[in-house]
N, C-alpha and C. Protein backbone atom coordinates (compact mmCIF):
# COMPACT_ATOMS: atom_id res chain seq x y z
N MET A 1 105.08 125.23 -66.96
CA MET A 1 103.66 125.45 -66.68
C MET A 1 102.85 124.37 -67.38
N MET A 2 101.88 123.86 -66.64
CA MET A 2 101.00 122.82 -67.18
C MET A 2 99.56 123.31 -67.20
N LEU A 3 98.85 122.88 -68.22
CA LEU A 3 97.44 123.20 -68.31
C LEU A 3 96.66 122.34 -67.31
N PRO A 4 95.53 122.84 -66.84
CA PRO A 4 94.70 122.03 -65.94
C PRO A 4 94.20 120.77 -66.64
N ASN A 5 94.09 119.68 -65.91
CA ASN A 5 93.68 118.40 -66.48
C ASN A 5 92.25 118.02 -66.15
N ILE A 6 91.82 118.28 -64.92
CA ILE A 6 90.52 117.81 -64.45
C ILE A 6 89.81 118.90 -63.65
N ILE A 7 88.51 119.00 -63.84
CA ILE A 7 87.67 119.85 -63.00
C ILE A 7 86.80 118.92 -62.15
N ARG A 8 86.77 119.16 -60.85
CA ARG A 8 85.93 118.37 -59.95
C ARG A 8 84.83 119.27 -59.42
N ILE A 9 83.60 118.83 -59.60
CA ILE A 9 82.44 119.55 -59.09
C ILE A 9 81.74 118.64 -58.09
N LYS A 10 81.59 119.12 -56.88
CA LYS A 10 80.94 118.34 -55.83
C LYS A 10 79.74 119.12 -55.30
N VAL A 11 78.59 118.50 -55.33
CA VAL A 11 77.36 119.13 -54.84
C VAL A 11 76.82 118.26 -53.71
N ARG A 12 76.63 118.88 -52.55
CA ARG A 12 76.11 118.16 -51.38
C ARG A 12 74.95 118.94 -50.79
N SER A 13 74.00 118.21 -50.27
CA SER A 13 72.94 118.83 -49.48
C SER A 13 72.78 118.02 -48.21
N LYS A 14 72.11 118.57 -47.24
CA LYS A 14 71.97 117.89 -45.95
C LYS A 14 71.10 116.64 -46.06
N GLU A 15 70.14 116.65 -46.96
CA GLU A 15 69.23 115.51 -47.08
C GLU A 15 69.80 114.37 -47.90
N SER A 16 70.67 114.67 -48.88
CA SER A 16 71.15 113.62 -49.78
C SER A 16 72.66 113.43 -49.65
N ARG A 17 73.13 112.40 -50.28
CA ARG A 17 74.53 112.03 -50.21
C ARG A 17 75.43 112.95 -51.03
N GLY A 18 74.95 113.46 -52.13
CA GLY A 18 75.71 114.39 -52.95
C GLY A 18 76.16 113.78 -54.26
N ILE A 19 76.73 114.63 -55.10
CA ILE A 19 77.18 114.23 -56.43
C ILE A 19 78.62 114.69 -56.61
N ASN A 20 79.46 113.81 -57.12
CA ASN A 20 80.83 114.14 -57.49
C ASN A 20 80.97 113.99 -59.00
N LEU A 21 81.38 115.04 -59.69
CA LEU A 21 81.63 114.99 -61.13
C LEU A 21 83.09 115.31 -61.39
N TYR A 22 83.75 114.44 -62.13
CA TYR A 22 85.11 114.69 -62.58
C TYR A 22 85.05 114.89 -64.08
N ILE A 23 85.34 116.11 -64.54
CA ILE A 23 85.25 116.44 -65.95
C ILE A 23 86.67 116.61 -66.49
N PRO A 24 87.07 115.78 -67.46
CA PRO A 24 88.40 115.96 -68.05
C PRO A 24 88.43 117.23 -68.91
N MET A 25 89.48 118.02 -68.73
CA MET A 25 89.60 119.29 -69.45
C MET A 25 89.84 119.09 -70.94
N ILE A 26 90.27 117.89 -71.36
CA ILE A 26 90.50 117.66 -72.78
C ILE A 26 89.21 117.85 -73.57
N LEU A 27 88.06 117.55 -72.95
CA LEU A 27 86.78 117.77 -73.63
C LEU A 27 86.54 119.26 -73.88
N ILE A 28 86.89 120.08 -72.91
CA ILE A 28 86.73 121.53 -73.06
C ILE A 28 87.72 122.07 -74.08
N TYR A 29 88.95 121.54 -74.05
CA TYR A 29 89.96 121.98 -75.02
C TYR A 29 89.55 121.62 -76.45
N LEU A 30 88.94 120.44 -76.63
CA LEU A 30 88.47 120.06 -77.96
C LEU A 30 87.34 120.95 -78.45
N LEU A 31 86.51 121.43 -77.52
CA LEU A 31 85.45 122.36 -77.91
C LEU A 31 86.01 123.73 -78.29
N LEU A 32 87.10 124.14 -77.64
CA LEU A 32 87.71 125.44 -77.93
C LEU A 32 88.64 125.42 -79.14
N LEU A 33 89.04 124.25 -79.60
CA LEU A 33 89.99 124.14 -80.71
C LEU A 33 89.49 124.80 -82.00
N PRO A 34 88.24 124.63 -82.42
CA PRO A 34 87.79 125.33 -83.64
C PRO A 34 87.86 126.85 -83.51
N LEU A 35 87.57 127.38 -82.32
CA LEU A 35 87.69 128.82 -82.12
C LEU A 35 89.14 129.27 -82.23
N LEU A 36 90.05 128.47 -81.73
CA LEU A 36 91.47 128.79 -81.82
C LEU A 36 91.94 128.77 -83.27
N VAL A 37 91.47 127.81 -84.05
CA VAL A 37 91.85 127.73 -85.46
C VAL A 37 91.36 128.96 -86.22
N LEU A 38 90.21 129.48 -85.86
CA LEU A 38 89.70 130.70 -86.49
C LEU A 38 90.41 131.95 -85.97
N PHE A 39 90.84 131.93 -84.74
CA PHE A 39 91.43 133.11 -84.11
C PHE A 39 92.88 133.35 -84.54
N ILE A 40 93.66 132.31 -84.73
CA ILE A 40 95.08 132.46 -85.02
C ILE A 40 95.35 133.23 -86.32
N PRO A 41 94.69 132.93 -87.45
CA PRO A 41 94.96 133.74 -88.65
C PRO A 41 94.57 135.21 -88.48
N LEU A 42 93.46 135.46 -87.80
CA LEU A 42 93.05 136.84 -87.54
C LEU A 42 94.07 137.55 -86.67
N TRP A 43 94.57 136.86 -85.64
CA TRP A 43 95.58 137.41 -84.75
C TRP A 43 96.86 137.74 -85.52
N LEU A 44 97.28 136.85 -86.40
CA LEU A 44 98.49 137.10 -87.21
C LEU A 44 98.30 138.29 -88.15
N LEU A 45 97.14 138.39 -88.75
CA LEU A 45 96.86 139.50 -89.67
C LEU A 45 96.86 140.84 -88.94
N VAL A 46 96.23 140.90 -87.81
CA VAL A 46 96.19 142.15 -87.04
C VAL A 46 97.58 142.51 -86.52
N SER A 47 98.34 141.51 -86.10
CA SER A 47 99.68 141.82 -85.61
C SER A 47 100.61 142.27 -86.73
N LEU A 48 100.39 141.81 -87.96
CA LEU A 48 101.20 142.30 -89.08
C LEU A 48 100.90 143.76 -89.40
N PHE A 49 99.63 144.13 -89.36
CA PHE A 49 99.26 145.51 -89.68
C PHE A 49 99.65 146.51 -88.58
N THR A 50 99.78 146.03 -87.36
CA THR A 50 100.12 146.94 -86.27
C THR A 50 101.56 146.76 -85.79
N ALA A 51 102.39 146.09 -86.59
CA ALA A 51 103.78 145.83 -86.20
C ALA A 51 104.53 147.15 -86.01
N GLY A 52 105.33 147.22 -84.98
CA GLY A 52 106.15 148.41 -84.72
C GLY A 52 105.47 149.45 -83.86
N THR A 53 104.23 149.25 -83.50
CA THR A 53 103.53 150.21 -82.65
C THR A 53 103.36 149.59 -81.25
N PRO A 54 103.16 150.42 -80.24
CA PRO A 54 102.93 149.86 -78.89
C PRO A 54 101.69 148.97 -78.83
N LYS A 55 100.65 149.34 -79.56
CA LYS A 55 99.44 148.52 -79.57
C LYS A 55 99.70 147.18 -80.25
N GLY A 56 100.55 147.19 -81.27
CA GLY A 56 100.91 145.95 -81.96
C GLY A 56 101.68 145.02 -81.05
N TYR A 57 102.54 145.57 -80.21
CA TYR A 57 103.29 144.75 -79.25
C TYR A 57 102.33 144.09 -78.26
N MET A 58 101.32 144.82 -77.83
CA MET A 58 100.33 144.24 -76.91
C MET A 58 99.53 143.13 -77.58
N ILE A 59 99.21 143.30 -78.86
CA ILE A 59 98.44 142.28 -79.58
C ILE A 59 99.25 141.00 -79.73
N VAL A 60 100.56 141.14 -79.96
CA VAL A 60 101.41 139.95 -80.08
C VAL A 60 101.47 139.19 -78.76
N LYS A 61 101.41 139.89 -77.65
CA LYS A 61 101.52 139.27 -76.33
C LYS A 61 100.21 138.63 -75.84
N ILE A 62 99.11 138.74 -76.59
CA ILE A 62 97.82 138.22 -76.14
C ILE A 62 97.84 136.70 -75.99
N VAL A 63 98.37 135.99 -76.97
CA VAL A 63 98.32 134.53 -76.94
C VAL A 63 99.15 133.96 -75.79
N PRO A 64 100.41 134.40 -75.58
CA PRO A 64 101.14 133.89 -74.42
C PRO A 64 100.48 134.26 -73.09
N ALA A 65 99.87 135.44 -73.03
CA ALA A 65 99.21 135.85 -71.79
C ALA A 65 97.98 134.97 -71.52
N PHE A 66 97.25 134.62 -72.56
CA PHE A 66 96.08 133.76 -72.39
C PHE A 66 96.52 132.36 -71.93
N TYR A 67 97.61 131.85 -72.48
CA TYR A 67 98.13 130.54 -72.06
C TYR A 67 98.56 130.59 -70.59
N LYS A 68 99.24 131.65 -70.18
CA LYS A 68 99.67 131.77 -68.79
C LYS A 68 98.47 131.89 -67.85
N LEU A 69 97.44 132.60 -68.28
CA LEU A 69 96.22 132.72 -67.48
C LEU A 69 95.54 131.37 -67.31
N LEU A 70 95.48 130.60 -68.39
CA LEU A 70 94.87 129.28 -68.31
C LEU A 70 95.67 128.35 -67.41
N CYS A 71 96.99 128.43 -67.46
CA CYS A 71 97.84 127.62 -66.59
C CYS A 71 97.71 128.05 -65.12
N ALA A 72 97.46 129.32 -64.88
CA ALA A 72 97.35 129.82 -63.51
C ALA A 72 96.07 129.38 -62.82
N THR A 73 95.09 128.89 -63.59
CA THR A 73 93.85 128.42 -62.96
C THR A 73 94.04 127.10 -62.25
N ARG A 74 95.14 126.43 -62.52
CA ARG A 74 95.42 125.14 -61.87
C ARG A 74 95.55 125.37 -60.36
N GLY A 75 94.82 124.59 -59.58
CA GLY A 75 94.85 124.72 -58.13
C GLY A 75 93.75 125.62 -57.58
N THR A 76 92.88 126.12 -58.43
CA THR A 76 91.79 126.98 -57.98
C THR A 76 90.71 126.16 -57.28
N GLU A 77 90.21 126.67 -56.19
CA GLU A 77 89.14 126.01 -55.45
C GLU A 77 88.09 127.05 -55.08
N VAL A 78 86.84 126.75 -55.40
CA VAL A 78 85.74 127.66 -55.09
C VAL A 78 84.73 126.89 -54.25
N ASN A 79 84.42 127.41 -53.07
CA ASN A 79 83.42 126.81 -52.18
C ASN A 79 82.24 127.76 -52.05
N VAL A 80 81.06 127.22 -52.31
CA VAL A 80 79.83 128.01 -52.14
C VAL A 80 78.99 127.28 -51.11
N LEU A 81 78.74 127.95 -49.99
CA LEU A 81 77.99 127.34 -48.88
C LEU A 81 76.64 128.02 -48.73
N ASP A 82 75.66 127.22 -48.48
CA ASP A 82 74.32 127.69 -48.18
C ASP A 82 73.89 126.96 -46.91
N LYS A 83 72.80 127.37 -46.30
CA LYS A 83 72.41 126.69 -45.07
C LYS A 83 71.94 125.26 -45.33
N ASP A 84 71.53 124.94 -46.56
CA ASP A 84 71.06 123.59 -46.87
C ASP A 84 71.98 122.81 -47.81
N SER A 85 72.88 123.48 -48.51
CA SER A 85 73.69 122.78 -49.50
C SER A 85 75.09 123.39 -49.62
N GLU A 86 75.93 122.68 -50.36
CA GLU A 86 77.31 123.11 -50.56
C GLU A 86 77.76 122.69 -51.95
N VAL A 87 78.46 123.59 -52.63
CA VAL A 87 79.02 123.31 -53.97
C VAL A 87 80.50 123.62 -53.91
N ILE A 88 81.31 122.64 -54.35
CA ILE A 88 82.76 122.81 -54.36
C ILE A 88 83.24 122.60 -55.80
N LEU A 89 84.06 123.52 -56.28
CA LEU A 89 84.66 123.43 -57.61
C LEU A 89 86.17 123.47 -57.44
N LYS A 90 86.85 122.43 -57.92
CA LYS A 90 88.31 122.37 -57.84
C LYS A 90 88.86 122.11 -59.24
N ILE A 91 89.93 122.81 -59.58
CA ILE A 91 90.59 122.62 -60.86
C ILE A 91 91.96 122.03 -60.59
N PHE A 92 92.23 120.85 -61.14
CA PHE A 92 93.49 120.14 -60.93
C PHE A 92 94.35 120.22 -62.17
């Protein structure tokens, strides 16, 4: 499984040519990195206190599930159409 690399946002209207934006996901990952650094010790502490319980097992599985969810967004395409304009969002 690979993480998404690029988000493409395309905005078009009937009167104008439109805008294409290619946003590298590394910028978003760098913004989320401080939150991850704060979250991991808290996650480890909570999983230690709830070890051996069904709820503790679910807490341990949160990080791999979040990674799989992020990887599953690869290939997502959202089209929003209006009578005058169009917005397309693609995740590569």
